[in-house]
Protein backbone atom coordinates (compact mmCIF):
# COMPACT_ATOMS: atom_id res chain seq x y z
CA UNK A 1 104.91 108.13 108.31
CA UNK A 2 105.31 105.11 106.03
CA UNK A 3 102.95 104.58 103.13
CA UNK A 4 102.09 100.97 102.38
CA UNK A 5 100.51 100.42 98.96
CA UNK A 6 97.95 97.80 98.13
CA UNK A 7 99.48 95.68 95.37
CA UNK A 8 97.37 94.30 92.52
CA UNK A 9 98.92 91.40 90.57
CA UNK A 10 96.71 90.74 87.56
CA UNK A 11 97.29 87.57 85.57
CA UNK A 12 94.99 85.33 83.46
CA UNK A 13 91.65 85.22 85.34
CA UNK A 14 92.93 86.11 88.82
CA UNK A 15 93.56 89.34 90.71
CA UNK A 16 95.89 88.84 93.68
CA UNK A 17 95.48 91.68 96.17
CA UNK A 18 98.24 92.00 98.75
CA UNK A 19 99.03 94.45 101.52
CA UNK A 20 102.15 94.40 103.64
CA UNK A 21 102.73 96.68 106.63
CA UNK A 22 104.81 96.63 109.81
CA UNK A 23 101.91 94.94 111.63
CA UNK A 24 101.65 92.04 109.16
CA UNK A 25 100.39 91.17 105.71
CA UNK A 26 97.25 90.05 103.88
CA UNK A 27 96.88 88.28 100.52
CA UNK A 28 93.59 87.54 98.76
CA UNK A 29 92.73 86.11 95.33
CA UNK A 30 89.69 87.24 93.33
CA UNK A 31 88.45 85.64 90.11
CA UNK A 32 88.12 88.26 87.37
CA UNK A 33 87.42 88.70 83.68
CA UNK A 34 90.55 90.20 82.13
CA UNK A 35 91.46 91.61 78.75
CA UNK A 36 94.97 92.62 77.80
CA UNK A 37 98.38 92.04 79.33
CA UNK A 38 99.26 90.93 82.85
CA UNK A 39 100.16 93.75 85.21
CA UNK A 40 101.43 94.54 88.70
CA UNK A 41 100.34 97.91 90.08
CA UNK A 42 100.04 99.59 93.49
CA UNK A 43 97.64 102.07 95.06
CA UNK A 44 97.31 104.09 98.26
CA UNK A 45 95.17 101.96 100.58
CA UNK A 46 93.07 104.86 101.91
CA UNK A 47 92.20 106.20 98.46
CA UNK A 48 91.34 102.72 97.18
CA UNK A 49 89.07 102.10 100.18
CA UNK A 50 87.32 105.41 99.51
CA UNK A 51 86.56 104.42 95.91
CA UNK A 52 85.22 100.97 96.79
CA UNK A 53 83.10 102.23 99.69
CA UNK A 54 81.55 104.96 97.50
CA UNK A 55 80.55 102.67 94.61
CA UNK A 56 76.95 101.46 94.85
CA UNK A 57 77.58 98.08 93.21
CA UNK A 58 79.95 95.17 93.71
CA UNK A 59 80.60 94.80 89.97
CA UNK A 60 83.19 97.36 88.90
CA UNK A 61 85.32 97.68 85.79
CA UNK A 62 88.92 98.66 86.41
CA UNK A 63 90.97 99.93 83.46
CA UNK A 64 94.79 99.93 83.55
CA UNK A 65 97.39 101.10 81.02
CA UNK A 66 100.72 100.60 82.77
CA UNK A 67 102.15 100.15 86.29
CA UNK A 68 102.49 103.92 86.75
CA UNK A 69 99.36 105.14 84.95
CA UNK A 70 96.15 106.00 86.82
CA UNK A 71 93.45 103.36 87.12
CA UNK A 72 89.96 104.24 85.87
CA UNK A 73 87.07 102.67 87.79
CA UNK A 74 83.48 102.57 86.57
CA UNK A 75 80.33 100.72 87.55
CA UNK A 76 78.27 98.59 85.21
CA UNK A 77 75.57 101.28 84.87
CA UNK A 78 77.88 104.15 83.94
CA UNK A 79 76.76 106.15 87.00
CA UNK A 80 80.08 105.98 88.85
CA UNK A 81 83.47 106.90 87.40
CA UNK A 82 86.74 107.90 89.02
CA UNK A 83 90.50 107.88 88.52
CA UNK A 84 93.14 106.80 91.03
CA UNK A 85 96.84 107.47 90.60
CA UNK A 86 99.17 104.50 90.90
CA UNK A 87 102.04 104.31 93.39
CA UNK A 88 105.54 103.22 92.48
CA UNK A 89 106.11 99.74 93.90
CA UNK A 90 109.33 98.49 95.42
CA UNK A 91 110.35 94.92 94.71
CA UNK A 92 109.79 92.82 97.80
């Protein structure tokens, strides 16, 4: 079974979220507040959905170190915190 990662492309004040599978593709842009370097990183779509559906707020902080390091996610109240391992991305 093929695994299709969700790709985050983080640059300036925009997060581009893209997903490509055999059935088609989706791309969405979200305005963000960013500190640090630009980054492209991928995650398992099912695990990412689990994190976002569990959080009780829409405002989340996502912390990244490198394209292969885990992402830390926390809410603005400090009540929700989790880590998600990154997936190696193929150039498309």
